[in-house]
Amino acid sequence: MNGNRFLNCGFGLIQCLVDMHIPRVTTGHGLRCLKYKIPKLWNELLKGLKELTSLNGFKKKLNYT
């Protein structure tokens, strides 16, 4: 593998890099937008969670973390 991960979200496989780019925001509204929150939360996940390849495995591990 080349360091990229794939996540099956129900719409097919989506390539997810190990660390996602967090856009720079300057307002409180920007901090609440999903465009900012999703990459921030993804980057805060433990490496073991990011490396899982199945959605069910991800959900199970997420509940135990």
C-alpha atoms as a PDB file:
ATOM      1  CA  MET A   1       0.000   0.000   0.000  1.00  0.00           C
ATOM      2  CA  ASN A   2       1.141   3.547  -0.666  1.00  0.00           C
ATOM      3  CA  GLY A   3       0.185   5.137   2.678  1.00  0.00           C
ATOM      4  CA  ASN A   4      -3.366   5.989   1.651  1.00  0.00           C
ATOM      5  CA  ARG A   5      -6.398   4.484   3.351  1.00  0.00           C
ATOM      6  CA  PHE A   6      -9.813   3.712   1.951  1.00  0.00           C
ATOM      7  CA  LEU A   7     -13.098   4.140   3.818  1.00  0.00           C
ATOM      8  CA  ASN A   8     -16.362   2.571   2.702  1.00  0.00           C
ATOM      9  CA  CYS A   9     -19.062   5.070   3.632  1.00  0.00           C
ATOM     10  CA  GLY A  10     -21.952   3.507   1.730  1.00  0.00           C
ATOM     11  CA  PHE A  11     -21.235   5.438  -1.471  1.00  0.00           C
ATOM     12  CA  GLY A  12     -18.304   3.285  -2.494  1.00  0.00           C
ATOM     13  CA  LEU A  13     -14.694   3.499  -1.424  1.00  0.00           C
ATOM     14  CA  ILE A  14     -13.383   6.939  -0.554  1.00  0.00           C
ATOM     15  CA  GLN A  15      -9.660   7.504  -0.300  1.00  0.00           C
ATOM     16  CA  CYS A  16      -8.702   9.078   3.033  1.00  0.00           C
ATOM     17  CA  LEU A  17      -5.182  10.259   3.648  1.00  0.00           C
ATOM     18  CA  VAL A  18      -3.729   9.492   7.038  1.00  0.00           C
ATOM     19  CA  ASP A  19      -3.888  13.217   7.887  1.00  0.00           C
ATOM     20  CA  MET A  20      -6.461  15.498   6.302  1.00  0.00           C
ATOM     21  CA  HIS A  21      -5.925  19.191   5.560  1.00  0.00           C
ATOM     22  CA  ILE A  22      -7.709  21.479   8.032  1.00  0.00           C
ATOM     23  CA  PRO A  23      -8.885  24.684   6.343  1.00  0.00           C
ATOM     24  CA  ARG A  24      -7.997  27.961   8.018  1.00  0.00           C
ATOM     25  CA  VAL A  25     -11.037  29.710   9.459  1.00  0.00           C
ATOM     26  CA  THR A  26     -11.370  33.203  10.895  1.00  0.00           C
ATOM     27  CA  THR A  27     -14.879  33.245  12.349  1.00  0.00           C
ATOM     28  CA  GLY A  28     -16.876  31.365  14.951  1.00  0.00           C
ATOM     29  CA  HIS A  29     -19.199  30.205  12.173  1.00  0.00           C
ATOM     30  CA  GLY A  30     -16.234  28.699  10.336  1.00  0.00           C
ATOM     31  CA  LEU A  31     -15.246  26.731  13.429  1.00  0.00           C
ATOM     32  CA  ARG A  32     -18.696  25.118  13.489  1.00  0.00           C
ATOM     33  CA  CYS A  33     -18.737  24.146   9.786  1.00  0.00           C
ATOM     34  CA  LEU A  34     -18.337  20.489   8.815  1.00  0.00           C
ATOM     35  CA  LYS A  35     -15.660  21.514   6.303  1.00  0.00           C
ATOM     36  CA  TYR A  36     -13.502  22.384   9.338  1.00  0.00           C
ATOM     37  CA  LYS A  37     -14.773  19.885  11.932  1.00  0.00           C
ATOM     38  CA  ILE A  38     -14.512  16.652   9.936  1.00  0.00           C
ATOM     39  CA  PRO A  39     -10.784  16.887   9.103  1.00  0.00           C
ATOM     40  CA  LYS A  40     -10.023  18.121  12.629  1.00  0.00           C
ATOM     41  CA  LEU A  41     -11.808  15.150  14.213  1.00  0.00           C
ATOM     42  CA  TRP A  42     -10.233  12.706  11.735  1.00  0.00           C
ATOM     43  CA  ASN A  43      -6.739  13.946  12.554  1.00  0.00           C
ATOM     44  CA  GLU A  44      -7.427  13.533  16.283  1.00  0.00           C
ATOM     45  CA  LEU A  45      -8.329   9.844  15.899  1.00  0.00           C
ATOM     46  CA  LEU A  46      -5.827   7.245  17.036  1.00  0.00           C
ATOM     47  CA  LYS A  47      -3.709   5.741  14.265  1.00  0.00           C
ATOM     48  CA  GLY A  48      -5.222   2.287  14.850  1.00  0.00           C
ATOM     49  CA  LEU A  49      -8.702   3.610  14.091  1.00  0.00           C
ATOM     50  CA  LYS A  50      -7.549   5.282  10.872  1.00  0.00           C
ATOM     51  CA  GLU A  51      -6.008   2.063   9.592  1.00  0.00           C
ATOM     52  CA  LEU A  52      -9.169  -0.051   9.845  1.00  0.00           C
ATOM     53  CA  THR A  53     -10.573  -1.057   6.475  1.00  0.00           C
ATOM     54  CA  SER A  54     -14.118  -2.076   7.428  1.00  0.00           C
ATOM     55  CA  LEU A  55     -16.871   0.223   8.625  1.00  0.00           C
ATOM     56  CA  ASN A  56     -18.072  -2.310  11.215  1.00  0.00           C
ATOM     57  CA  GLY A  57     -14.557  -2.674  12.611  1.00  0.00           C
ATOM     58  CA  PHE A  58     -14.238   1.116  12.784  1.00  0.00           C
ATOM     59  CA  LYS A  59     -17.539   1.438  14.682  1.00  0.00           C
ATOM     60  CA  LYS A  60     -16.587  -1.307  17.156  1.00  0.00           C
ATOM     61  CA  LYS A  61     -13.156   0.152  17.890  1.00  0.00           C
ATOM     62  CA  LEU A  62     -14.562   3.677  18.136  1.00  0.00           C
ATOM     63  CA  ASN A  63     -16.953   2.589  20.893  1.00  0.00           C
ATOM     64  CA  TYR A  64     -14.111   1.032  22.917  1.00  0.00           C
ATOM     65  CA  THR A  65     -11.786   4.037  22.652  1.00  0.00           C
END
